[in-house]
Structures are given as C-alpha cells and as structure tokens.
Amino acid sequence: MNQNDWQPIETAPKYTGYVLGWYPLLNECRMCEWDQFDDLWIKHNGNTIDALQGQPTHWMPLPKGPE
C-alpha cells in the first residue's frame, strides 16, 4: 500500500499527533488527532463537539512540508 493511499481509520496510529482524516458526512478531509480521554477522533481545533459531525472513516499521513 502506498503511503499516499487512504487507509481504514482502524489502522491509524493513535497518540502520535495529527493525521489527515476523511469525514464522509462533511465530504472532505481534515487534519485530526486521537483524543484518548473521549476515545474518538477530533478535528484539528481540538473541540470534541465537532465529533457530532461524524468520525473519519479513512486516514493518511500528513504530507511533508516544503524544504
């Protein structure tokens, strides 16, 4: 599997920072991270209320920044 392919969210690394998540209810991807206290994925602003907009179904690593 290519690093740039979407992978099932169950395979995403938790506790390692941000990943790019696909949110089907929003029909878009967002930077997200695992919230160990609420046991769910949250979008980059860290607001668990956003989880009401659904959970990501797929993920991929964030791209590297420019050098």
N, C-alpha and C. Protein backbone atom coordinates (compact mmCIF):
# COMPACT_ATOMS: atom_id res chain seq x y z
N MET A 1 0.84 -1.18 0.00
CA MET A 1 0.00 0.00 0.00
C MET A 1 0.89 1.24 0.00
N ASN A 2 0.57 2.17 -0.85
CA ASN A 2 1.31 3.43 -0.96
C ASN A 2 0.99 4.32 0.22
N GLN A 3 1.97 5.08 0.69
CA GLN A 3 1.77 5.99 1.83
C GLN A 3 0.72 7.04 1.51
N ASN A 4 0.49 7.32 0.24
CA ASN A 4 -0.49 8.32 -0.15
C ASN A 4 -1.88 7.76 -0.39
N ASP A 5 -2.08 6.48 -0.13
CA ASP A 5 -3.40 5.86 -0.28
C ASP A 5 -4.18 6.03 1.01
N TRP A 6 -5.48 6.26 0.89
CA TRP A 6 -6.34 6.30 2.07
C TRP A 6 -6.38 4.91 2.68
N GLN A 7 -6.30 4.85 3.99
CA GLN A 7 -6.33 3.58 4.72
C GLN A 7 -7.48 3.61 5.72
N PRO A 8 -8.03 2.45 6.10
CA PRO A 8 -9.12 2.42 7.08
C PRO A 8 -8.69 3.09 8.39
N ILE A 9 -9.59 3.84 8.98
CA ILE A 9 -9.26 4.59 10.20
C ILE A 9 -8.82 3.67 11.34
N GLU A 10 -9.26 2.42 11.32
CA GLU A 10 -8.86 1.47 12.37
C GLU A 10 -7.35 1.22 12.37
N THR A 11 -6.69 1.51 11.25
CA THR A 11 -5.25 1.28 11.17
C THR A 11 -4.43 2.54 11.48
N ALA A 12 -5.10 3.64 11.77
CA ALA A 12 -4.39 4.90 12.02
C ALA A 12 -3.61 4.84 13.33
N PRO A 13 -2.43 5.44 13.35
CA PRO A 13 -1.64 5.48 14.57
C PRO A 13 -2.26 6.47 15.57
N LYS A 14 -2.51 6.00 16.75
CA LYS A 14 -3.05 6.87 17.80
C LYS A 14 -1.88 7.37 18.65
N TYR A 15 -2.08 8.49 19.29
CA TYR A 15 -1.08 9.04 20.22
C TYR A 15 0.19 9.51 19.54
N THR A 16 0.16 9.75 18.23
CA THR A 16 1.38 10.20 17.54
C THR A 16 1.19 11.56 16.88
N GLY A 17 0.16 12.26 17.21
CA GLY A 17 -0.07 13.57 16.61
C GLY A 17 -1.14 13.52 15.53
N TYR A 18 -1.05 14.46 14.62
CA TYR A 18 -2.09 14.63 13.60
C TYR A 18 -1.94 13.69 12.42
N VAL A 19 -3.09 13.35 11.84
CA VAL A 19 -3.17 12.64 10.57
C VAL A 19 -4.22 13.36 9.74
N LEU A 20 -4.30 13.05 8.48
CA LEU A 20 -5.34 13.57 7.61
C LEU A 20 -6.48 12.57 7.62
N GLY A 21 -7.66 13.01 8.02
CA GLY A 21 -8.81 12.11 8.12
C GLY A 21 -9.89 12.47 7.10
N TRP A 22 -10.54 11.44 6.55
CA TRP A 22 -11.65 11.64 5.62
C TRP A 22 -12.96 11.57 6.38
N TYR A 23 -13.73 12.67 6.34
CA TYR A 23 -15.02 12.78 7.02
C TYR A 23 -16.14 12.71 5.98
N PRO A 24 -16.78 11.54 5.84
CA PRO A 24 -17.79 11.41 4.79
C PRO A 24 -19.02 12.30 5.00
N LEU A 25 -19.39 12.58 6.26
CA LEU A 25 -20.55 13.45 6.47
C LEU A 25 -20.28 14.88 6.02
N LEU A 26 -19.03 15.29 6.04
CA LEU A 26 -18.64 16.62 5.58
C LEU A 26 -18.20 16.59 4.12
N ASN A 27 -17.94 15.39 3.61
CA ASN A 27 -17.43 15.18 2.25
C ASN A 27 -16.11 15.93 2.05
N GLU A 28 -15.23 15.82 3.06
CA GLU A 28 -13.94 16.49 2.97
C GLU A 28 -12.94 15.86 3.92
N CYS A 29 -11.67 16.20 3.73
CA CYS A 29 -10.64 15.72 4.63
C CYS A 29 -10.23 16.85 5.56
N ARG A 30 -9.85 16.47 6.77
CA ARG A 30 -9.43 17.42 7.79
C ARG A 30 -8.27 16.85 8.58
N MET A 31 -7.44 17.71 9.09
CA MET A 31 -6.39 17.28 9.98
C MET A 31 -7.07 16.92 11.31
N CYS A 32 -6.72 15.74 11.85
CA CYS A 32 -7.36 15.29 13.08
C CYS A 32 -6.36 14.54 13.95
N GLU A 33 -6.74 14.34 15.21
CA GLU A 33 -5.91 13.58 16.13
C GLU A 33 -6.80 12.77 17.06
N TRP A 34 -6.22 11.74 17.65
CA TRP A 34 -6.93 10.86 18.56
C TRP A 34 -7.04 11.52 19.93
N ASP A 35 -8.24 11.55 20.50
CA ASP A 35 -8.47 12.07 21.84
C ASP A 35 -8.64 10.87 22.76
N GLN A 36 -7.60 10.57 23.53
CA GLN A 36 -7.63 9.38 24.39
C GLN A 36 -8.62 9.50 25.53
N PHE A 37 -8.98 10.70 25.92
CA PHE A 37 -9.90 10.88 27.03
C PHE A 37 -11.35 10.63 26.62
N ASP A 38 -11.71 11.06 25.41
CA ASP A 38 -13.06 10.85 24.91
C ASP A 38 -13.16 9.65 23.98
N ASP A 39 -12.01 9.02 23.68
CA ASP A 39 -11.95 7.81 22.85
C ASP A 39 -12.58 8.02 21.48
N LEU A 40 -12.16 9.12 20.82
CA LEU A 40 -12.64 9.41 19.47
C LEU A 40 -11.67 10.33 18.76
N TRP A 41 -11.85 10.45 17.45
CA TRP A 41 -11.04 11.35 16.64
C TRP A 41 -11.64 12.73 16.68
N ILE A 42 -10.80 13.75 16.83
CA ILE A 42 -11.27 15.12 16.82
C ILE A 42 -10.53 15.90 15.73
N LYS A 43 -11.22 16.87 15.16
CA LYS A 43 -10.59 17.70 14.13
C LYS A 43 -9.57 18.63 14.77
N HIS A 44 -8.73 19.23 13.97
CA HIS A 44 -7.54 19.94 14.43
C HIS A 44 -7.78 21.02 15.48
N ASN A 45 -8.97 21.56 15.62
CA ASN A 45 -9.17 22.62 16.60
C ASN A 45 -9.33 22.06 18.02
N GLY A 46 -9.36 20.74 18.16
CA GLY A 46 -9.40 20.12 19.48
C GLY A 46 -10.75 20.19 20.17
N ASN A 47 -11.80 20.44 19.46
CA ASN A 47 -13.13 20.57 20.04
C ASN A 47 -13.90 19.26 19.86
N THR A 48 -14.17 18.56 20.96
CA THR A 48 -14.87 17.28 20.86
C THR A 48 -16.31 17.46 20.38
N ILE A 49 -16.86 18.67 20.47
CA ILE A 49 -18.20 18.92 19.94
C ILE A 49 -18.22 18.64 18.44
N ASP A 50 -17.11 18.88 17.77
CA ASP A 50 -17.03 18.62 16.34
C ASP A 50 -17.26 17.15 16.01
N ALA A 51 -17.09 16.27 16.97
CA ALA A 51 -17.30 14.84 16.73
C ALA A 51 -18.75 14.56 16.35
N LEU A 52 -19.65 15.48 16.67
CA LEU A 52 -21.05 15.31 16.28
C LEU A 52 -21.21 15.35 14.77
N GLN A 53 -20.22 15.88 14.07
CA GLN A 53 -20.25 15.91 12.61
C GLN A 53 -19.71 14.61 12.03
N GLY A 54 -19.55 13.62 12.86
CA GLY A 54 -19.11 12.32 12.39
C GLY A 54 -17.64 12.06 12.66
N GLN A 55 -17.26 10.84 12.48
CA GLN A 55 -15.89 10.40 12.67
C GLN A 55 -15.28 10.08 11.31
N PRO A 56 -13.97 10.23 11.20
CA PRO A 56 -13.33 9.89 9.93
C PRO A 56 -13.42 8.39 9.67
N THR A 57 -13.53 8.02 8.42
CA THR A 57 -13.58 6.61 8.06
C THR A 57 -12.25 6.12 7.51
N HIS A 58 -11.42 7.07 7.03
CA HIS A 58 -10.13 6.73 6.45
C HIS A 58 -9.11 7.78 6.86
N TRP A 59 -7.84 7.46 6.69
CA TRP A 59 -6.77 8.37 7.08
C TRP A 59 -5.57 8.20 6.16
N MET A 60 -4.69 9.19 6.17
CA MET A 60 -3.37 9.10 5.55
C MET A 60 -2.45 10.06 6.30
N PRO A 61 -1.14 9.81 6.23
CA PRO A 61 -0.21 10.71 6.91
C PRO A 61 -0.26 12.11 6.31
N LEU A 62 0.05 13.11 7.12
CA LEU A 62 0.15 14.46 6.61
C LEU A 62 1.33 14.54 5.64
N PRO A 63 1.22 15.34 4.61
CA PRO A 63 2.36 15.48 3.71
C PRO A 63 3.49 16.23 4.40
N LYS A 64 4.69 16.03 3.91
CA LYS A 64 5.84 16.75 4.43
C LYS A 64 5.78 18.20 3.95
N GLY A 65 6.27 19.09 4.78
CA GLY A 65 6.30 20.50 4.41
C GLY A 65 7.41 20.79 3.41
N PRO A 66 7.43 21.97 2.86
CA PRO A 66 8.47 22.33 1.91
C PRO A 66 9.82 22.44 2.59
N GLU A 67 10.86 22.21 1.84
CA GLU A 67 12.22 22.30 2.39
C GLU A 67 12.87 23.61 2.05
